[in-house]
Amino acid sequence: MDLYNNIINNKENFFLMAGPCVIENKEMPFEIAEKLIEITDKLNIKLVFKASYRKANRSSIDSFTGIGDKEALETLKKVKEKYNIPVVTDIHSAAEAIIAAEYVDILQIPAFLCRQTDILLAAAQTGKIVNVKKGQFLSAESMKYVVEKIRTAGNNQIMLTDRGTMFGYQDLIVDFRSIPTMQENNLPVIMDITHSLQQPNQVSGVSGGLPKMIETIAKAAIAVGADGIFMETHPNPKVAKSDGQNMISLERVEDLLTKLVRIKQAL
């Protein structure tokens, strides 16, 4: 609970979950983490380093999924230990919750799996912080049942993340009413400013995105009171092996966060 409170209790600022979409190799996570730490220390932002150890939800069978579960999880743990920062990764089954909990501080439930009771309970029972992404198909009000499941398992270290709502078959929209609505569960709410701009189900077999709108979504989220910001970043999104179409370039992160801090201060 101490780590949970340490992350969320900086009332003067939002916290940040950020990193690459997936562990692409054993070197890049350290490059990204070092830059993010430099920026967030300067701006007094609590940082959680994010990277998926494996990508289970891919459009195409040919899409990159990871470098190997053990290798990726060990890389995440090394980032955590080297820089003394919390780390978060996705899980995709109840069995994965037990495995990943040995390496990370926060278990993240992907949006498509947010109603899977066995996964939610398994994650809760590890005692780790649980971050659940709101399904693209769910209303913000419906997330109270997700919260109930986790709390029933005796875990109150919960975060909820909005990542947009399906709009037709190939686009997402953000309803900013979701942030205060989910905050009614008395827990922190995060805005995923990169996945919410994803354009799924493209005929090419690779999801598209609208990265030019990242700043717009981020500013609005802070303005309506989001507790945290989630973003995926990469030194060169054009060559990223996953979600490159809607990531923010690492070189743009400081400028964006500086603007968001000014908005937070104005509030």
C-alpha atoms as a PDB file:
ATOM      1  CA  MET A   1       0.000   0.000   0.000  1.00  0.00           C
ATOM      2  CA  ASP A   2       2.940   2.342   0.618  1.00  0.00           C
ATOM      3  CA  LEU A   3       3.982   2.180  -3.041  1.00  0.00           C
ATOM      4  CA  TYR A   4       0.396   2.734  -4.151  1.00  0.00           C
ATOM      5  CA  ASN A   5       0.010   5.807  -1.976  1.00  0.00           C
ATOM      6  CA  ASN A   6       3.418   7.108  -3.012  1.00  0.00           C
ATOM      7  CA  ILE A   7       2.377   7.009  -6.662  1.00  0.00           C
ATOM      8  CA  ILE A   8      -1.062   8.563  -6.329  1.00  0.00           C
ATOM      9  CA  ASN A   9      -0.734  11.007  -3.431  1.00  0.00           C
ATOM     10  CA  ASN A  10       1.126  13.845  -5.133  1.00  0.00           C
ATOM     11  CA  LYS A  11      -1.918  16.099  -5.284  1.00  0.00           C
ATOM     12  CA  GLU A  12       0.075  18.915  -6.850  1.00  0.00           C
ATOM     13  CA  ASN A  13       0.713  16.897  -9.992  1.00  0.00           C
ATOM     14  CA  PHE A  14      -0.445  13.940 -12.049  1.00  0.00           C
ATOM     15  CA  PHE A  15       1.564  10.712 -12.236  1.00  0.00           C
ATOM     16  CA  LEU A  16       2.854   9.115 -15.416  1.00  0.00           C
ATOM     17  CA  MET A  17       2.870   5.573 -16.770  1.00  0.00           C
ATOM     18  CA  ALA A  18       5.137   5.531 -19.795  1.00  0.00           C
ATOM     19  CA  GLY A  19       7.482   3.400 -21.829  1.00  0.00           C
ATOM     20  CA  PRO A  20       7.586   1.350 -25.014  1.00  0.00           C
ATOM     21  CA  CYS A  21       4.649  -0.769 -26.117  1.00  0.00           C
ATOM     22  CA  VAL A  22       6.654  -3.984 -25.800  1.00  0.00           C
ATOM     23  CA  ILE A  23      10.144  -5.082 -24.787  1.00  0.00           C
ATOM     24  CA  GLU A  24      11.778  -5.144 -28.228  1.00  0.00           C
ATOM     25  CA  ASN A  25      15.268  -5.948 -26.993  1.00  0.00           C
ATOM     26  CA  LYS A  26      17.266  -5.875 -23.762  1.00  0.00           C
ATOM     27  CA  GLU A  27      18.841  -2.428 -24.314  1.00  0.00           C
ATOM     28  CA  MET A  28      16.111  -0.013 -25.429  1.00  0.00           C
ATOM     29  CA  PRO A  29      14.074  -0.073 -22.172  1.00  0.00           C
ATOM     30  CA  PHE A  30      17.048   1.389 -20.294  1.00  0.00           C
ATOM     31  CA  GLU A  31      17.501   4.149 -22.877  1.00  0.00           C
ATOM     32  CA  ILE A  32      13.833   5.095 -22.609  1.00  0.00           C
ATOM     33  CA  ALA A  33      13.712   4.821 -18.812  1.00  0.00           C
ATOM     34  CA  GLU A  34      16.737   7.074 -18.355  1.00  0.00           C
ATOM     35  CA  LYS A  35      15.213   9.799 -20.502  1.00  0.00           C
ATOM     36  CA  LEU A  36      11.826   9.552 -18.775  1.00  0.00           C
ATOM     37  CA  ILE A  37      13.439   9.745 -15.337  1.00  0.00           C
ATOM     38  CA  GLU A  38      15.389  12.847 -16.365  1.00  0.00           C
ATOM     39  CA  ILE A  39      12.171  14.545 -17.515  1.00  0.00           C
ATOM     40  CA  THR A  40       9.894  13.510 -14.647  1.00  0.00           C
ATOM     41  CA  ASP A  41      12.456  14.399 -11.971  1.00  0.00           C
ATOM     42  CA  LYS A  42      12.661  17.882 -13.468  1.00  0.00           C
ATOM     43  CA  LEU A  43       8.878  18.282 -13.512  1.00  0.00           C
ATOM     44  CA  ASN A  44       8.102  16.597 -10.158  1.00  0.00           C
ATOM     45  CA  ILE A  45       6.060  13.815 -11.764  1.00  0.00           C
ATOM     46  CA  LYS A  46       5.866  10.326 -10.254  1.00  0.00           C
ATOM     47  CA  LEU A  47       6.948   7.826 -12.909  1.00  0.00           C
ATOM     48  CA  VAL A  48       5.883   4.229 -13.468  1.00  0.00           C
ATOM     49  CA  PHE A  49       7.817   2.534 -16.268  1.00  0.00           C
ATOM     50  CA  LYS A  50       5.574   0.583 -18.630  1.00  0.00           C
ATOM     51  CA  ALA A  51       6.334  -2.142 -21.140  1.00  0.00           C
ATOM     52  CA  SER A  52       4.520  -5.298 -22.154  1.00  0.00           C
ATOM     53  CA  TYR A  53       6.640  -8.413 -21.796  1.00  0.00           C
ATOM     54  CA  ARG A  54       4.553 -10.051 -24.495  1.00  0.00           C
ATOM     55  CA  LYS A  55       1.900  -8.787 -26.899  1.00  0.00           C
ATOM     56  CA  ALA A  56      -0.955 -11.272 -27.030  1.00  0.00           C
ATOM     57  CA  ASN A  57      -3.482  -9.091 -28.864  1.00  0.00           C
ATOM     58  CA  ARG A  58      -2.127  -8.518 -32.374  1.00  0.00           C
ATOM     59  CA  SER A  59      -4.043  -7.905 -35.603  1.00  0.00           C
ATOM     60  CA  SER A  60      -1.888 -10.203 -37.730  1.00  0.00           C
ATOM     61  CA  ILE A  61      -0.330 -13.610 -37.071  1.00  0.00           C
ATOM     62  CA  ASP A  62       2.918 -12.162 -38.427  1.00  0.00           C
ATOM     63  CA  SER A  63       3.090  -9.328 -35.871  1.00  0.00           C
ATOM     64  CA  PHE A  64       5.936  -9.189 -33.347  1.00  0.00           C
ATOM     65  CA  THR A  65       4.957 -10.550 -29.925  1.00  0.00           C
ATOM     66  CA  GLY A  66       8.155 -10.357 -27.873  1.00  0.00           C
ATOM     67  CA  ILE A  67      11.690 -11.519 -27.181  1.00  0.00           C
ATOM     68  CA  GLY A  68      10.589 -14.327 -24.848  1.00  0.00           C
ATOM     69  CA  ASP A  69       8.612 -14.095 -21.630  1.00  0.00           C
ATOM     70  CA  LYS A  70      11.408 -14.773 -19.137  1.00  0.00           C
ATOM     71  CA  GLU A  71      13.907 -12.529 -20.907  1.00  0.00           C
ATOM     72  CA  ALA A  72      11.417  -9.651 -21.109  1.00  0.00           C
ATOM     73  CA  LEU A  73      10.261  -9.976 -17.501  1.00  0.00           C
ATOM     74  CA  GLU A  74      13.866 -10.085 -16.296  1.00  0.00           C
ATOM     75  CA  THR A  75      14.594  -6.941 -18.322  1.00  0.00           C
ATOM     76  CA  LEU A  76      11.676  -5.162 -16.630  1.00  0.00           C
ATOM     77  CA  LYS A  77      12.934  -6.236 -13.219  1.00  0.00           C
ATOM     78  CA  LYS A  78      16.414  -4.914 -14.026  1.00  0.00           C
ATOM     79  CA  VAL A  79      14.933  -1.539 -15.012  1.00  0.00           C
ATOM     80  CA  LYS A  80      13.054  -1.475 -11.708  1.00  0.00           C
ATOM     81  CA  GLU A  81      16.150  -2.333  -9.690  1.00  0.00           C
ATOM     82  CA  LYS A  82      18.623  -0.118 -11.556  1.00  0.00           C
ATOM     83  CA  TYR A  83      16.533   3.048 -11.378  1.00  0.00           C
ATOM     84  CA  ASN A  84      14.441   2.313  -8.260  1.00  0.00           C
ATOM     85  CA  ILE A  85      11.174   2.987 -10.068  1.00  0.00           C
ATOM     86  CA  PRO A  86       7.964   0.923 -10.141  1.00  0.00           C
ATOM     87  CA  VAL A  87       7.205  -1.039 -13.300  1.00  0.00           C
ATOM     88  CA  VAL A  88       3.967  -2.229 -14.879  1.00  0.00           C
ATOM     89  CA  THR A  89       3.185  -4.857 -17.498  1.00  0.00           C
ATOM     90  CA  ASP A  90       0.119  -6.461 -19.065  1.00  0.00           C
ATOM     91  CA  ILE A  91      -1.110  -9.941 -18.234  1.00  0.00           C
ATOM     92  CA  HIS A  92      -3.438 -12.038 -20.355  1.00  0.00           C
ATOM     93  CA  SER A  93      -4.488 -14.942 -18.123  1.00  0.00           C
ATOM     94  CA  ALA A  94      -4.859 -15.885 -14.474  1.00  0.00           C
ATOM     95  CA  ALA A  95      -1.690 -17.978 -14.648  1.00  0.00           C
ATOM     96  CA  GLU A  96       0.298 -15.016 -15.967  1.00  0.00           C
ATOM     97  CA  ALA A  97      -0.683 -12.932 -12.938  1.00  0.00           C
ATOM     98  CA  ILE A  98       1.293 -15.214 -10.624  1.00  0.00           C
ATOM     99  CA  ILE A  99       4.299 -15.299 -12.945  1.00  0.00           C
ATOM    100  CA  ALA A 100       4.475 -11.566 -13.699  1.00  0.00           C
ATOM    101  CA  ALA A 101       3.926 -10.590 -10.055  1.00  0.00           C
ATOM    102  CA  GLU A 102       7.405 -11.905  -9.254  1.00  0.00           C
ATOM    103  CA  TYR A 103       8.935  -9.236 -11.496  1.00  0.00           C
ATOM    104  CA  VAL A 104       6.714  -6.131 -11.507  1.00  0.00           C
ATOM    105  CA  ASP A 105       4.885  -3.797  -9.115  1.00  0.00           C
ATOM    106  CA  ILE A 106       1.680  -3.260 -11.072  1.00  0.00           C
ATOM    107  CA  LEU A 107      -0.322  -5.791 -13.068  1.00  0.00           C
ATOM    108  CA  GLN A 108      -2.274  -4.279 -15.937  1.00  0.00           C
ATOM    109  CA  ILE A 109      -5.443  -5.865 -17.282  1.00  0.00           C
ATOM    110  CA  PRO A 110      -5.892  -5.155 -21.011  1.00  0.00           C
ATOM    111  CA  ALA A 111      -9.142  -3.526 -22.105  1.00  0.00           C
ATOM    112  CA  PHE A 112     -10.431  -6.567 -23.963  1.00  0.00           C
ATOM    113  CA  LEU A 113     -10.009  -8.662 -20.786  1.00  0.00           C
ATOM    114  CA  CYS A 114     -11.374  -6.219 -18.210  1.00  0.00           C
ATOM    115  CA  ARG A 115     -14.473  -8.325 -17.454  1.00  0.00           C
ATOM    116  CA  GLN A 116     -12.627 -11.655 -17.099  1.00  0.00           C
ATOM    117  CA  THR A 117     -13.327 -12.534 -13.490  1.00  0.00           C
ATOM    118  CA  ASP A 118     -10.607 -15.176 -13.157  1.00  0.00           C
ATOM    119  CA  ILE A 119      -7.920 -12.767 -14.363  1.00  0.00           C
ATOM    120  CA  LEU A 120      -9.122  -9.941 -12.127  1.00  0.00           C
ATOM    121  CA  LEU A 121      -9.218 -12.167  -9.048  1.00  0.00           C
ATOM    122  CA  ALA A 122      -5.835 -13.724  -9.791  1.00  0.00           C
ATOM    123  CA  ALA A 123      -4.264 -10.297 -10.199  1.00  0.00           C
ATOM    124  CA  ALA A 124      -5.897  -9.035  -7.004  1.00  0.00           C
ATOM    125  CA  GLN A 125      -4.747 -12.055  -5.002  1.00  0.00           C
ATOM    126  CA  THR A 126      -1.085 -11.399  -5.795  1.00  0.00           C
ATOM    127  CA  GLY A 127      -1.293  -8.313  -3.598  1.00  0.00           C
ATOM    128  CA  LYS A 128       0.137  -6.168  -6.382  1.00  0.00           C
ATOM    129  CA  ILE A 129      -1.402  -2.901  -7.575  1.00  0.00           C
ATOM    130  CA  VAL A 130      -3.928  -3.644 -10.324  1.00  0.00           C
ATOM    131  CA  ASN A 131      -4.507  -1.237 -13.199  1.00  0.00           C
ATOM    132  CA  VAL A 132      -7.535  -2.103 -15.324  1.00  0.00           C
ATOM    133  CA  LYS A 133      -8.099  -0.550 -18.712  1.00  0.00           C
ATOM    134  CA  LYS A 134     -11.747   0.181 -19.448  1.00  0.00           C
ATOM    135  CA  GLY A 135     -12.984  -1.946 -22.324  1.00  0.00           C
ATOM    136  CA  GLN A 136     -13.663  -0.074 -25.550  1.00  0.00           C
ATOM    137  CA  PHE A 137     -17.105  -1.706 -25.379  1.00  0.00           C
ATOM    138  CA  LEU A 138     -17.964  -0.698 -21.797  1.00  0.00           C
ATOM    139  CA  SER A 139     -19.496   2.379 -20.249  1.00  0.00           C
ATOM    140  CA  ALA A 140     -17.598   4.135 -17.492  1.00  0.00           C
ATOM    141  CA  GLU A 141     -20.439   3.284 -15.105  1.00  0.00           C
ATOM    142  CA  SER A 142     -19.941  -0.446 -15.747  1.00  0.00           C
ATOM    143  CA  MET A 143     -16.404  -0.341 -14.387  1.00  0.00           C
ATOM    144  CA  LYS A 144     -17.787  -0.326 -10.839  1.00  0.00           C
ATOM    145  CA  TYR A 145     -18.384  -4.068 -11.220  1.00  0.00           C
ATOM    146  CA  VAL A 146     -14.743  -4.566 -12.165  1.00  0.00           C
ATOM    147  CA  VAL A 147     -13.732  -2.670  -9.040  1.00  0.00           C
ATOM    148  CA  GLU A 148     -16.084  -4.779  -6.905  1.00  0.00           C
ATOM    149  CA  LYS A 149     -14.454  -8.000  -8.097  1.00  0.00           C
ATOM    150  CA  ILE A 150     -10.971  -6.820  -7.168  1.00  0.00           C
ATOM    151  CA  ARG A 151     -12.069  -5.451  -3.809  1.00  0.00           C
ATOM    152  CA  THR A 152     -13.898  -8.706  -3.043  1.00  0.00           C
ATOM    153  CA  ALA A 153     -10.530 -10.437  -3.328  1.00  0.00           C
ATOM    154  CA  GLY A 154      -9.207  -8.148  -0.584  1.00  0.00           C
ATOM    155  CA  ASN A 155      -7.180  -5.790  -2.745  1.00  0.00           C
ATOM    156  CA  ASN A 156      -7.873  -2.042  -2.623  1.00  0.00           C
ATOM    157  CA  GLN A 157      -4.829  -1.021  -4.660  1.00  0.00           C
ATOM    158  CA  ILE A 158      -6.733  -0.309  -7.848  1.00  0.00           C
ATOM    159  CA  MET A 159      -6.328   2.075 -10.764  1.00  0.00           C
ATOM    160  CA  LEU A 160      -8.642   2.479 -13.759  1.00  0.00           C
ATOM    161  CA  THR A 161      -7.567   3.649 -17.198  1.00  0.00           C
ATOM    162  CA  ASP A 162      -9.692   5.014 -20.020  1.00  0.00           C
ATOM    163  CA  ARG A 163      -8.433   4.222 -23.494  1.00  0.00           C
ATOM    164  CA  GLY A 164     -11.345   5.357 -25.627  1.00  0.00           C
ATOM    165  CA  THR A 165     -14.611   3.853 -26.821  1.00  0.00           C
ATOM    166  CA  MET A 166     -15.311   2.111 -30.108  1.00  0.00           C
ATOM    167  CA  PHE A 167     -16.774   4.366 -32.773  1.00  0.00           C
ATOM    168  CA  GLY A 168     -17.813   2.251 -35.714  1.00  0.00           C
ATOM    169  CA  TYR A 169     -15.426  -0.517 -36.647  1.00  0.00           C
ATOM    170  CA  GLN A 170     -12.164   1.344 -37.214  1.00  0.00           C
ATOM    171  CA  ASP A 171     -11.985   4.271 -34.830  1.00  0.00           C
ATOM    172  CA  LEU A 172     -12.187   5.310 -31.182  1.00  0.00           C
ATOM    173  CA  ILE A 173     -13.549   8.376 -29.447  1.00  0.00           C
ATOM    174  CA  VAL A 174     -12.852   9.711 -25.943  1.00  0.00           C
ATOM    175  CA  ASP A 175     -15.760  10.641 -23.710  1.00  0.00           C
ATOM    176  CA  PHE A 176     -14.151  12.779 -21.026  1.00  0.00           C
ATOM    177  CA  ARG A 177     -17.152  12.261 -18.751  1.00  0.00           C
ATOM    178  CA  SER A 178     -15.612   8.838 -18.118  1.00  0.00           C
ATOM    179  CA  ILE A 179     -12.875  10.305 -15.926  1.00  0.00           C
ATOM    180  CA  PRO A 180     -15.053  11.825 -13.173  1.00  0.00           C
ATOM    181  CA  THR A 181     -17.516   8.949 -13.509  1.00  0.00           C
ATOM    182  CA  MET A 182     -14.863   6.321 -12.785  1.00  0.00           C
ATOM    183  CA  GLN A 183     -13.415   8.505 -10.012  1.00  0.00           C
ATOM    184  CA  GLU A 184     -16.695   8.004  -8.176  1.00  0.00           C
ATOM    185  CA  ASN A 185     -15.252   4.596  -7.207  1.00  0.00           C
ATOM    186  CA  ASN A 186     -12.807   6.518  -4.966  1.00  0.00           C
ATOM    187  CA  LEU A 187      -9.693   5.496  -6.820  1.00  0.00           C
ATOM    188  CA  PRO A 188      -7.316   7.109  -9.317  1.00  0.00           C
ATOM    189  CA  VAL A 189      -8.242   7.325 -12.986  1.00  0.00           C
ATOM    190  CA  ILE A 190      -5.669   7.468 -15.756  1.00  0.00           C
ATOM    191  CA  MET A 191      -6.070   8.624 -19.361  1.00  0.00           C
ATOM    192  CA  ASP A 192      -4.277   6.563 -21.982  1.00  0.00           C
ATOM    193  CA  ILE A 193      -3.421   9.296 -24.459  1.00  0.00           C
ATOM    194  CA  THR A 194      -1.871   7.025 -27.085  1.00  0.00           C
ATOM    195  CA  HIS A 195      -4.096   3.939 -27.345  1.00  0.00           C
ATOM    196  CA  SER A 196      -7.172   6.168 -27.287  1.00  0.00           C
ATOM    197  CA  LEU A 197      -6.002   7.427 -30.685  1.00  0.00           C
ATOM    198  CA  GLN A 198      -5.611   3.972 -32.136  1.00  0.00           C
ATOM    199  CA  GLN A 199      -7.496   3.088 -35.318  1.00  0.00           C
ATOM    200  CA  PRO A 200      -8.044  -0.665 -35.035  1.00  0.00           C
ATOM    201  CA  ASN A 201      -9.160  -3.268 -37.556  1.00  0.00           C
ATOM    202  CA  GLN A 202      -7.410  -1.771 -40.564  1.00  0.00           C
ATOM    203  CA  VAL A 203      -7.470  -3.867 -43.739  1.00  0.00           C
ATOM    204  CA  SER A 204      -3.654  -3.878 -43.742  1.00  0.00           C
ATOM    205  CA  GLY A 205      -3.648  -6.029 -40.603  1.00  0.00           C
ATOM    206  CA  VAL A 206      -1.803  -3.288 -38.673  1.00  0.00           C
ATOM    207  CA  SER A 207      -3.646  -0.817 -36.441  1.00  0.00           C
ATOM    208  CA  GLY A 208      -3.474   2.815 -37.478  1.00  0.00           C
ATOM    209  CA  GLY A 209      -3.413   5.886 -35.271  1.00  0.00           C
ATOM    210  CA  LEU A 210      -3.663   9.659 -34.962  1.00  0.00           C
ATOM    211  CA  PRO A 211      -0.527  10.694 -33.040  1.00  0.00           C
ATOM    212  CA  LYS A 212      -0.980  14.362 -33.988  1.00  0.00           C
ATOM    213  CA  MET A 213      -3.950  14.395 -31.580  1.00  0.00           C
ATOM    214  CA  ILE A 214      -2.006  13.094 -28.561  1.00  0.00           C
ATOM    215  CA  GLU A 215      -1.450  16.571 -27.136  1.00  0.00           C
ATOM    216  CA  THR A 216      -5.125  17.446 -27.517  1.00  0.00           C
ATOM    217  CA  ILE A 217      -6.304  14.350 -25.660  1.00  0.00           C
ATOM    218  CA  ALA A 218      -3.669  14.833 -22.955  1.00  0.00           C
ATOM    219  CA  LYS A 219      -4.528  18.476 -22.307  1.00  0.00           C
ATOM    220  CA  ALA A 220      -8.238  17.719 -22.066  1.00  0.00           C
ATOM    221  CA  ALA A 221      -7.617  14.816 -19.685  1.00  0.00           C
ATOM    222  CA  ILE A 222      -5.623  16.958 -17.257  1.00  0.00           C
ATOM    223  CA  ALA A 223      -8.161  19.765 -17.543  1.00  0.00           C
ATOM    224  CA  VAL A 224     -11.020  17.500 -16.456  1.00  0.00           C
ATOM    225  CA  GLY A 225      -9.041  16.085 -13.542  1.00  0.00           C
ATOM    226  CA  ALA A 226      -7.314  12.850 -14.592  1.00  0.00           C
ATOM    227  CA  ASP A 227      -5.040  11.574 -11.823  1.00  0.00           C
ATOM    228  CA  GLY A 228      -2.539  10.054 -14.199  1.00  0.00           C
ATOM    229  CA  ILE A 229      -1.425   9.928 -17.807  1.00  0.00           C
ATOM    230  CA  PHE A 230      -0.514   6.756 -19.672  1.00  0.00           C
ATOM    231  CA  MET A 231       1.535   6.998 -22.836  1.00  0.00           C
ATOM    232  CA  GLU A 232       3.638   4.754 -24.993  1.00  0.00           C
ATOM    233  CA  THR A 233       6.849   6.268 -26.289  1.00  0.00           C
ATOM    234  CA  HIS A 234       9.728   5.155 -28.484  1.00  0.00           C
ATOM    235  CA  PRO A 235      12.931   6.761 -29.793  1.00  0.00           C
ATOM    236  CA  ASN A 236      11.656   6.179 -33.344  1.00  0.00           C
ATOM    237  CA  PRO A 237       7.972   5.201 -33.532  1.00  0.00           C
ATOM    238  CA  LYS A 238       8.241   4.593 -37.284  1.00  0.00           C
ATOM    239  CA  VAL A 239      10.308   1.477 -36.651  1.00  0.00           C
ATOM    240  CA  ALA A 240       8.578   0.341 -33.441  1.00  0.00           C
ATOM    241  CA  LYS A 241       7.571  -3.309 -33.512  1.00  0.00           C
ATOM    242  CA  SER A 242       4.159  -2.649 -31.966  1.00  0.00           C
ATOM    243  CA  ASP A 243       1.728   0.291 -31.966  1.00  0.00           C
ATOM    244  CA  GLY A 244       4.143   2.633 -33.711  1.00  0.00           C
ATOM    245  CA  GLN A 245       1.230   4.364 -35.451  1.00  0.00           C
ATOM    246  CA  ASN A 246      -0.067   5.888 -32.228  1.00  0.00           C
ATOM    247  CA  MET A 247       3.041   6.324 -30.059  1.00  0.00           C
ATOM    248  CA  ILE A 248       4.735   9.590 -29.184  1.00  0.00           C
ATOM    249  CA  SER A 249       8.363  10.119 -30.059  1.00  0.00           C
ATOM    250  CA  LEU A 250      10.624  10.166 -27.001  1.00  0.00           C
ATOM    251  CA  GLU A 251      12.048  13.534 -28.039  1.00  0.00           C
ATOM    252  CA  ARG A 252       8.572  15.116 -27.769  1.00  0.00           C
ATOM    253  CA  VAL A 253       7.752  13.869 -24.286  1.00  0.00           C
ATOM    254  CA  GLU A 254       9.327  16.683 -22.276  1.00  0.00           C
ATOM    255  CA  ASP A 255       7.562  19.412 -24.227  1.00  0.00           C
ATOM    256  CA  LEU A 256       4.202  17.678 -23.821  1.00  0.00           C
ATOM    257  CA  LEU A 257       4.601  17.017 -20.103  1.00  0.00           C
ATOM    258  CA  THR A 258       5.729  20.588 -19.482  1.00  0.00           C
ATOM    259  CA  LYS A 259       2.493  21.852 -21.034  1.00  0.00           C
ATOM    260  CA  LEU A 260       0.429  19.408 -18.982  1.00  0.00           C
ATOM    261  CA  VAL A 261       2.105  20.493 -15.753  1.00  0.00           C
ATOM    262  CA  ARG A 262       1.201  24.110 -16.532  1.00  0.00           C
ATOM    263  CA  ILE A 263      -2.435  23.109 -17.003  1.00  0.00           C
ATOM    264  CA  LYS A 264      -2.386  21.165 -13.726  1.00  0.00           C
ATOM    265  CA  GLN A 265      -0.890  24.145 -11.902  1.00  0.00           C
ATOM    266  CA  ALA A 266      -3.517  26.455 -13.363  1.00  0.00           C
ATOM    267  CA  LEU A 267      -6.254  24.249 -11.956  1.00  0.00           C
END
